[in-house]
């Protein structure tokens, strides 16, 4: 009888943890950092005029996306030239519950926030565009600890500032200062103490966020950074470290991009997808799928499964479903493209909208794609037969919208923003 009770308790706990992971979009690109949420119930098509707007709220200029935990939205906003502001907003009403601000003087081109906070039951971690890294306590609504990545790790603030979003893994929170002292750093998430620091990289690439993957049975944090190759020439490299120890595991220098922005995406425990629009010392597109394997967890074999030099995304990674990639190609022209898992082009949209620098996510087997030029959102059924749109909605000023931020989704609600406001849209199945 005791064993039966114990089994029931464990089952309930497992269901609770799994359900929480599925409903919370608690970090950049969602719970699995791949812009995908498989288990959700949303409308399979939209009525004329689109789904209902639940609320909207004004924001300062910026490109930082939201995170969602339970019924709270967390977004890093910015007061131009003065300070960064973490805002906690009620998911159901759009009303601000509280905020925490800190001084962060200075201005950057395309002003405003750039990153997405990471959130758990107790804390929020966020990185500001000038390199301030903060841990905020939900209960006290104050900073528990902070680090200034430029002051502590060296280097120069690049033209566009810091755009990277932190990762939480177990008791660790990880960021990539890419300074003269360290490339990637793991901190204890509650105390802010340094747990490990990687070797410095030879260059800086503040625009890319690290990602998590598991290859050869080892949990890894994977980062793209600039690598100088002599004569002031640089090209990006992909570097992987064991998450818990910081041990360097492998490197890949074949991306040949001079300014990566889109993060690497782990497709499964064998494959990693890379994309950029700064290939070959130009601004040409490229997409690469790597196979990563190891028999002993010590020596890793990195093999290119495909290399497509006609398709690539500048800011956002693709989504992957039914053995196909769907990617907002920022080559010429801008267009949504479907690729096989072998990198072969199946179709391209071929007409407006091109989606520009907008992001896309995969919810319950459907693609939601935001047009980066006017903020419109499109519901797309992924199929190898061609582009199949099953809904469209407009919530922004099409003439001045610049919707480059990643989207967020939880409990049937989609959060989208441009440089003036954030909108909550009801996608729940009727």
Protein backbone atom coordinates (compact mmCIF):
# COMPACT_ATOMS: atom_id res chain seq x y z
CA UNK A 1 0.00 0.00 0.00
CA UNK A 2 2.84 2.37 0.87
CA UNK A 3 4.42 1.71 -2.52
CA UNK A 4 1.13 2.51 -4.28
CA UNK A 5 0.80 5.80 -2.39
CA UNK A 6 4.42 6.71 -3.15
CA UNK A 7 3.89 5.93 -6.83
CA UNK A 8 0.80 8.16 -6.92
CA UNK A 9 2.68 11.04 -5.28
CA UNK A 10 5.59 10.73 -7.71
CA UNK A 11 3.18 10.63 -10.66
CA UNK A 12 1.43 13.80 -9.47
CA UNK A 13 4.74 15.59 -8.95
CA UNK A 14 6.01 14.54 -12.38
CA UNK A 15 2.79 15.70 -14.04
CA UNK A 16 2.94 18.99 -12.15
CA UNK A 17 6.55 19.67 -13.19
CA UNK A 18 5.88 18.72 -16.82
CA UNK A 19 2.70 20.79 -16.95
CA UNK A 20 4.46 23.81 -15.45
CA UNK A 21 7.25 23.56 -18.01
CA UNK A 22 4.71 23.39 -20.83
CA UNK A 23 2.61 26.36 -19.74
CA UNK A 24 5.41 28.78 -18.76
CA UNK A 25 7.33 30.63 -21.46
CA UNK A 26 9.96 31.37 -18.84
CA UNK A 27 12.92 32.39 -20.99
CA UNK A 28 14.09 33.46 -24.43
CA UNK A 29 12.53 31.19 -27.09
CA UNK A 30 10.39 29.34 -24.56
CA UNK A 31 10.81 26.43 -22.13
CA UNK A 32 13.12 24.42 -24.41
CA UNK A 33 14.76 27.45 -26.05
CA UNK A 34 13.58 26.39 -29.50
CA UNK A 35 10.56 28.69 -30.06
CA UNK A 36 8.25 25.68 -29.74
CA UNK A 37 5.42 24.63 -27.44
CA UNK A 38 3.98 21.28 -28.46
CA UNK A 39 1.17 20.90 -25.94
CA UNK A 40 -1.33 23.72 -26.21
CA UNK A 41 -4.87 24.17 -27.45
CA UNK A 42 -5.23 27.10 -29.83
CA UNK A 43 -7.59 27.99 -32.65
CA UNK A 44 -6.72 26.09 -35.82
CA UNK A 45 -7.80 29.09 -37.90
CA UNK A 46 -8.69 32.70 -37.13
CA UNK A 47 -11.90 34.60 -37.82
CA UNK A 48 -11.88 37.53 -40.22
CA UNK A 49 -10.06 40.38 -38.52
CA UNK A 50 -8.03 38.00 -36.40
CA UNK A 51 -8.26 36.81 -32.80
CA UNK A 52 -9.36 39.09 -29.97
CA UNK A 53 -7.02 41.54 -28.30
CA UNK A 54 -7.04 41.01 -24.53
CA UNK A 55 -5.06 44.12 -23.62
CA UNK A 56 -2.21 46.38 -24.67
CA UNK A 57 0.30 48.43 -22.71
CA UNK A 58 2.70 51.20 -23.66
CA UNK A 59 6.44 50.54 -23.55
CA UNK A 60 9.59 52.52 -24.11
CA UNK A 61 11.43 51.98 -27.40
CA UNK A 62 13.06 48.58 -27.58
CA UNK A 63 13.32 45.08 -28.96
CA UNK A 64 13.38 42.94 -25.81
CA UNK A 65 10.75 40.21 -25.61
CA UNK A 66 8.69 39.00 -22.67
CA UNK A 67 8.86 35.96 -20.42
CA UNK A 68 5.79 34.45 -18.76
CA UNK A 69 5.63 32.58 -15.46
CA UNK A 70 2.22 31.55 -14.09
CA UNK A 71 0.06 34.67 -14.50
CA UNK A 72 2.86 37.22 -14.63
CA UNK A 73 4.70 38.77 -17.56
CA UNK A 74 8.29 39.97 -17.14
CA UNK A 75 9.87 42.39 -19.59
CA UNK A 76 13.02 44.51 -19.43
CA UNK A 77 12.13 48.03 -20.55
CA UNK A 78 14.34 51.11 -20.81
CA UNK A 79 14.13 54.82 -20.07
CA UNK A 80 16.17 56.27 -22.92
CA UNK A 81 19.62 57.37 -21.84
CA UNK A 82 18.93 56.85 -18.13
CA UNK A 83 17.95 53.45 -16.74
CA UNK A 84 16.75 49.90 -17.31
CA UNK A 85 13.36 48.92 -15.87
CA UNK A 86 12.16 45.38 -15.19
CA UNK A 87 8.37 45.39 -15.40
CA UNK A 88 6.04 42.78 -13.90
CA UNK A 89 2.68 42.83 -15.68
CA UNK A 90 -0.49 40.87 -14.96
CA UNK A 91 -0.98 38.38 -17.81
CA UNK A 92 -4.77 38.59 -17.62
CA UNK A 93 -5.27 42.36 -17.34
CA UNK A 94 -2.12 44.02 -18.70
CA UNK A 95 -1.82 46.11 -15.53
CA UNK A 96 1.67 46.69 -14.16
CA UNK A 97 2.02 45.05 -10.74
CA UNK A 98 5.47 46.38 -9.89
CA UNK A 99 8.78 47.41 -11.42
CA UNK A 100 12.43 47.55 -10.50
CA UNK A 101 14.77 50.09 -12.08
CA UNK A 102 18.49 50.77 -11.88
CA UNK A 103 20.73 53.44 -13.32
CA UNK A 104 22.22 52.56 -16.70
CA UNK A 105 23.22 55.81 -18.41
CA UNK A 106 24.15 55.93 -22.06
CA UNK A 107 22.59 55.65 -25.48
CA UNK A 108 22.93 53.15 -28.31
CA UNK A 109 21.73 53.12 -31.90
CA UNK A 110 18.24 51.60 -32.09
CA UNK A 111 17.65 52.54 -28.44
CA UNK A 112 15.90 50.36 -25.89
CA UNK A 113 16.07 46.91 -24.38
CA UNK A 114 17.24 43.91 -26.38
CA UNK A 115 17.10 40.78 -24.20
CA UNK A 116 14.53 38.46 -22.60
CA UNK A 117 14.53 37.76 -18.83
CA UNK A 118 14.81 34.23 -17.43
CA UNK A 119 12.32 33.42 -14.66
CA UNK A 120 11.64 30.71 -12.07
CA UNK A 121 9.41 30.45 -8.99
CA UNK A 122 11.45 32.94 -6.96
CA UNK A 123 13.71 35.07 -9.15
CA UNK A 124 14.09 36.96 -12.41
CA UNK A 125 17.47 37.33 -14.16
CA UNK A 126 17.96 40.00 -16.82
CA UNK A 127 20.76 41.54 -18.88
CA UNK A 128 20.57 45.21 -19.88
CA UNK A 129 21.96 46.64 -23.13
CA UNK A 130 24.93 48.19 -21.29
CA UNK A 131 25.98 44.91 -19.65
CA UNK A 132 24.22 45.12 -16.27
CA UNK A 133 23.26 41.63 -15.08
CA UNK A 134 20.71 41.52 -12.26
CA UNK A 135 18.89 38.94 -10.16
CA UNK A 136 15.57 40.26 -8.83
CA UNK A 137 13.62 38.66 -5.96
CA UNK A 138 9.91 38.32 -6.76
CA UNK A 139 8.84 38.75 -3.13
CA UNK A 140 10.89 41.82 -2.25
CA UNK A 141 10.92 43.18 -5.81
CA UNK A 142 14.53 44.22 -5.25
CA UNK A 143 17.91 43.15 -6.60
CA UNK A 144 19.48 40.23 -4.75
CA UNK A 145 22.78 40.54 -6.57
CA UNK A 146 24.19 42.15 -9.69
CA UNK A 147 27.25 42.08 -11.92
CA UNK A 148 28.54 44.64 -14.38
CA UNK A 149 29.90 42.45 -17.15
CA UNK A 150 31.98 45.16 -18.81
CA UNK A 151 33.62 46.27 -15.55
CA UNK A 152 34.26 42.75 -14.26
CA UNK A 153 35.28 40.98 -17.46
CA UNK A 154 36.66 43.76 -19.65
CA UNK A 155 36.16 44.50 -23.30
CA UNK A 156 34.46 47.33 -25.16
CA UNK A 157 30.76 48.00 -25.48
CA UNK A 158 29.94 47.23 -29.08
CA UNK A 159 27.84 49.48 -31.27
CA UNK A 160 24.54 47.70 -30.62
CA UNK A 161 25.17 46.82 -26.97
CA UNK A 162 24.31 43.57 -25.18
CA UNK A 163 21.45 41.57 -26.68
CA UNK A 164 22.08 38.24 -24.97
CA UNK A 165 19.52 36.53 -22.74
CA UNK A 166 20.55 34.45 -19.68
CA UNK A 167 20.01 30.70 -19.24
CA UNK A 168 19.03 28.94 -16.00
CA UNK A 169 20.19 25.35 -15.56
CA UNK A 170 19.70 23.70 -12.17
CA UNK A 171 21.41 25.90 -9.58
CA UNK A 172 23.24 27.89 -12.25
CA UNK A 173 22.48 30.96 -14.31
CA UNK A 174 24.76 31.43 -17.31
CA UNK A 175 25.67 34.42 -19.48
CA UNK A 176 28.37 35.20 -22.02
CA UNK A 177 30.21 38.47 -21.22
CA UNK A 178 32.85 37.61 -23.86
CA UNK A 179 35.32 39.90 -22.18
CA UNK A 180 39.08 39.85 -21.79
CA UNK A 181 38.76 37.66 -18.68
CA UNK A 182 36.13 35.09 -19.70
CA UNK A 183 33.87 34.12 -22.58
CA UNK A 184 31.06 32.31 -20.73
CA UNK A 185 30.41 32.52 -16.98
CA UNK A 186 28.24 30.37 -14.72
CA UNK A 187 26.97 31.96 -11.50
CA UNK A 188 25.12 30.42 -8.60
CA UNK A 189 21.62 31.61 -9.40
CA UNK A 190 20.69 32.61 -5.83
CA UNK A 191 23.97 33.99 -4.46
CA UNK A 192 25.52 35.39 -7.64
CA UNK A 193 28.84 33.72 -6.79
CA UNK A 194 30.99 32.62 -9.72
CA UNK A 195 30.92 28.84 -10.20
CA UNK A 196 33.11 28.67 -13.29
CA UNK A 197 34.54 30.88 -16.03
CA UNK A 198 35.52 29.73 -19.49
CA UNK A 199 38.61 30.87 -21.34
CA UNK A 200 38.29 34.27 -23.04
CA UNK A 201 37.25 34.31 -26.67
CA UNK A 202 39.42 36.22 -29.14
CA UNK A 203 36.53 38.50 -30.11
CA UNK A 204 33.15 39.69 -28.90
CA UNK A 205 29.69 38.96 -30.22
CA UNK A 206 27.24 40.56 -27.77
CA UNK A 207 24.24 40.01 -30.04
CA UNK A 208 24.09 36.21 -29.68
CA UNK A 209 22.50 34.34 -26.79
CA UNK A 210 23.90 30.99 -25.65
CA UNK A 211 21.81 27.85 -25.88
CA UNK A 212 21.63 24.48 -24.17
CA UNK A 213 22.10 21.09 -25.79
CA UNK A 214 22.84 17.53 -24.76
CA UNK A 215 25.31 15.65 -26.93
CA UNK A 216 27.24 12.50 -26.13
CA UNK A 217 25.18 12.28 -22.94
CA UNK A 218 26.62 15.57 -21.61
CA UNK A 219 24.63 18.74 -20.91
CA UNK A 220 26.34 21.59 -22.75
CA UNK A 221 26.11 25.35 -23.12
CA UNK A 222 26.84 26.38 -26.69
CA UNK A 223 27.89 29.86 -27.76
CA UNK A 224 28.76 31.64 -31.00
CA UNK A 225 31.52 34.23 -30.72
CA UNK A 226 33.94 36.13 -32.89
CA UNK A 227 37.29 34.46 -33.56
CA UNK A 228 40.23 36.47 -34.91
CA UNK A 229 42.19 34.68 -37.59
CA UNK A 230 45.00 37.17 -38.08
CA UNK A 231 45.38 40.44 -39.98
CA UNK A 232 42.38 41.83 -38.04
CA UNK A 233 40.08 39.41 -39.86
CA UNK A 234 37.47 37.63 -37.77
CA UNK A 235 34.93 34.91 -38.34
CA UNK A 236 32.50 33.40 -35.89
CA UNK A 237 33.19 30.15 -34.10
CA UNK A 238 30.83 27.86 -32.19
CA UNK A 239 32.17 26.74 -28.80
CA UNK A 240 30.67 24.24 -26.37
CA UNK A 241 31.29 23.84 -22.64
CA UNK A 242 30.05 21.30 -20.12
CA UNK A 243 27.32 23.16 -18.21
CA UNK A 244 28.22 22.05 -14.71
CA UNK A 245 32.01 22.37 -14.91
CA UNK A 246 32.91 24.73 -17.75
CA UNK A 247 35.12 22.11 -19.40
CA UNK A 248 35.53 22.97 -23.08
CA UNK A 249 34.20 20.13 -25.21
CA UNK A 250 34.44 21.10 -28.86
CA UNK A 251 34.76 23.95 -31.38
CA UNK A 252 33.44 24.49 -34.88
CA UNK A 253 34.86 27.25 -37.11
CA UNK A 254 33.02 26.53 -40.35
CA UNK A 255 30.13 28.96 -40.07
CA UNK A 256 32.17 31.69 -41.88
CA UNK A 257 29.94 34.48 -40.57
CA UNK A 258 31.32 37.82 -39.42
CA UNK A 259 28.27 38.91 -37.40
CA UNK A 260 25.98 36.16 -36.13
CA UNK A 261 22.84 37.19 -34.23
CA UNK A 262 20.48 34.21 -34.30
CA UNK A 263 21.39 31.69 -31.58
CA UNK A 264 22.23 28.06 -32.30
CA UNK A 265 19.27 25.72 -31.80
CA UNK A 266 19.47 22.13 -30.56
CA UNK A 267 17.16 20.04 -32.75
CA UNK A 268 17.72 16.84 -30.77
CA UNK A 269 20.60 15.03 -29.03
CA UNK A 270 22.50 14.70 -32.31
CA UNK A 271 21.80 17.84 -34.35
CA UNK A 272 22.47 21.58 -33.97
CA UNK A 273 21.18 24.24 -36.38
CA UNK A 274 23.10 27.44 -37.20
CA UNK A 275 22.00 30.37 -39.33
CA UNK A 276 23.26 33.84 -40.22
CA UNK A 277 23.04 36.60 -42.80
CA UNK A 278 26.67 37.71 -42.59
CA UNK A 279 28.34 34.94 -44.53
CA UNK A 280 31.65 35.05 -46.38
CA UNK A 281 32.65 38.63 -45.42
CA UNK A 282 29.40 39.89 -46.93
CA UNK A 283 25.78 39.98 -45.81
CA UNK A 284 24.83 36.75 -47.52
CA UNK A 285 22.62 34.05 -45.96
CA UNK A 286 23.79 30.68 -44.71
CA UNK A 287 22.23 27.80 -42.78
CA UNK A 288 24.13 24.79 -41.44
CA UNK A 289 23.02 21.60 -39.71
CA UNK A 290 25.67 19.88 -37.60
CA UNK A 291 25.80 16.32 -36.34
CA UNK A 292 27.53 16.14 -32.95
CA UNK A 293 28.56 12.81 -31.49
CA UNK A 294 30.89 11.30 -28.92
CA UNK A 295 31.51 7.74 -27.77
CA UNK A 296 33.21 8.65 -24.50
CA UNK A 297 32.19 12.22 -23.65
CA UNK A 298 35.79 13.35 -24.20
CA UNK A 299 36.34 13.52 -27.93
CA UNK A 300 33.54 14.93 -30.08
CA UNK A 301 33.03 14.49 -33.80
CA UNK A 302 31.43 17.45 -35.61
CA UNK A 303 30.02 16.72 -39.07
CA UNK A 304 28.15 19.04 -41.44
CA UNK A 305 24.89 17.34 -42.44
CA UNK A 306 24.07 20.18 -44.79
CA UNK A 307 25.28 23.65 -45.73
CA UNK A 308 22.80 25.89 -47.55
CA UNK A 309 24.31 29.15 -48.82
CA UNK A 310 21.03 30.51 -50.21
CA UNK A 311 18.89 30.60 -47.06
CA UNK A 312 19.60 32.23 -43.71
CA UNK A 313 17.97 34.33 -41.01
CA UNK A 314 19.55 37.45 -39.54
CA UNK A 315 17.94 37.56 -36.10
CA UNK A 316 15.68 34.62 -35.30
CA UNK A 317 16.14 30.85 -35.56
CA UNK A 318 13.74 28.62 -37.53
CA UNK A 319 11.16 26.20 -36.18
CA UNK A 320 11.37 22.49 -36.93
CA UNK A 321 8.40 20.15 -37.41
CA UNK A 322 7.81 16.89 -39.30
CA UNK A 323 11.44 16.75 -40.46
CA UNK A 324 11.28 20.22 -42.06
CA UNK A 325 12.65 23.64 -41.16
CA UNK A 326 10.57 26.81 -41.59
CA UNK A 327 12.77 29.90 -41.63
CA UNK A 328 12.32 33.61 -42.32
CA UNK A 329 14.97 33.94 -45.00
CA UNK A 330 16.64 37.37 -44.96
CA UNK A 331 18.52 36.84 -48.18
CA UNK A 332 17.17 38.39 -51.36
CA UNK A 333 14.22 38.48 -51.24
CA UNK A 334 12.91 38.30 -47.67
CA UNK A 335 10.54 35.34 -47.59
CA UNK A 336 9.42 32.35 -45.55
CA UNK A 337 11.20 29.22 -46.78
CA UNK A 338 10.64 25.52 -46.10
CA UNK A 339 13.72 23.29 -46.06
CA UNK A 340 14.05 19.53 -45.73
CA UNK A 341 16.22 18.13 -42.95
CA UNK A 342 18.83 17.69 -45.68
CA UNK A 343 18.83 21.42 -46.41
CA UNK A 344 16.97 21.22 -49.71
CA UNK A 345 14.50 23.98 -50.51
CA UNK A 346 10.93 22.67 -50.72
CA UNK A 347 9.17 25.99 -51.31
CA UNK A 348 9.38 29.71 -50.67
CA UNK A 349 6.50 32.13 -50.18
CA UNK A 350 7.55 34.20 -53.17
CA UNK A 351 5.26 37.18 -52.50
CA UNK A 352 4.44 39.71 -49.79
CA UNK A 353 4.61 39.61 -46.88
CA UNK A 354 8.27 38.74 -46.61
CA UNK A 355 8.22 38.91 -42.77
CA UNK A 356 11.52 40.85 -42.79
CA UNK A 357 13.20 40.66 -39.33
CA UNK A 358 10.15 39.33 -37.52
CA UNK A 359 10.19 36.21 -35.36
CA UNK A 360 8.24 32.98 -35.64
CA UNK A 361 7.14 30.38 -33.10
CA UNK A 362 5.55 26.94 -33.30
CA UNK A 363 2.51 26.40 -31.05
CA UNK A 364 0.48 23.18 -31.07
CA UNK A 365 1.80 22.32 -34.53
CA UNK A 366 0.97 25.72 -36.07
CA UNK A 367 3.39 28.51 -37.01
CA UNK A 368 2.80 32.06 -35.81
CA UNK A 369 4.91 34.48 -37.83
CA UNK A 370 5.21 38.22 -37.17
CA UNK A 371 5.97 40.64 -39.97
CA UNK A 372 8.93 42.68 -38.75
CA UNK A 373 7.96 45.68 -40.90
CA UNK A 374 4.36 46.27 -39.83
CA UNK A 375 3.82 43.99 -36.82
CA UNK A 376 1.07 41.87 -38.43
CA UNK A 377 0.85 38.30 -37.16
CA UNK A 378 0.07 35.37 -39.45
CA UNK A 379 -1.14 31.88 -38.56
CA UNK A 380 0.40 29.32 -40.90
CA UNK A 381 -0.21 25.61 -41.25
CA UNK A 382 3.17 23.94 -41.89
CA UNK A 383 2.93 21.73 -44.95
CA UNK A 384 5.32 20.64 -47.68
CA UNK A 385 2.64 21.50 -50.25
CA UNK A 386 3.34 25.22 -49.99
CA UNK A 387 2.51 28.33 -47.98
CA UNK A 388 -0.86 27.88 -46.26
CA UNK A 389 -2.09 30.85 -44.24
CA UNK A 390 -5.09 30.23 -41.98
CA UNK A 391 -5.27 33.56 -40.19
CA UNK A 392 -3.99 37.14 -40.08
CA UNK A 393 -4.29 39.98 -37.58
CA UNK A 394 -3.11 43.59 -37.33
CA UNK A 395 -2.54 45.31 -33.98
CA UNK A 396 0.16 47.89 -34.76
CA UNK A 397 0.69 51.06 -36.75
CA UNK A 398 1.85 49.59 -40.03
CA UNK A 399 3.64 52.77 -41.12
CA UNK A 400 6.01 53.00 -38.15
CA UNK A 401 6.09 49.57 -36.57
CA UNK A 402 9.43 47.81 -36.12
CA UNK A 403 8.52 44.43 -34.67
CA UNK A 404 11.79 42.58 -34.21
CA UNK A 405 11.28 41.19 -30.70
CA UNK A 406 10.74 37.48 -30.03
CA UNK A 407 7.17 36.51 -29.16
CA UNK A 408 5.96 34.67 -26.04
CA UNK A 409 3.00 32.34 -25.44
CA UNK A 410 1.37 30.84 -22.36
CA UNK A 411 -2.11 29.75 -21.26
CA UNK A 412 -3.62 30.53 -24.62
CA UNK A 413 -2.26 34.07 -24.73
CA UNK A 414 0.26 35.39 -27.26
CA UNK A 415 2.44 38.41 -26.44
CA UNK A 416 3.78 40.51 -29.32
CA UNK A 417 5.38 43.94 -29.34
CA UNK A 418 6.85 46.65 -31.50
CA UNK A 419 8.86 49.69 -30.41
CA UNK A 420 5.86 51.41 -28.80
CA UNK A 421 3.61 48.85 -27.12
CA UNK A 422 2.99 45.22 -26.21
CA UNK A 423 -0.25 43.45 -27.16
CA UNK A 424 -1.79 40.34 -25.61
CA UNK A 425 -3.85 38.23 -28.04
CA UNK A 426 -6.29 35.45 -27.11
CA UNK A 427 -5.53 32.33 -29.15
CA UNK A 428 -7.46 29.83 -27.03
CA UNK A 429 -9.52 27.27 -28.86
CA UNK A 430 -13.17 28.27 -28.79
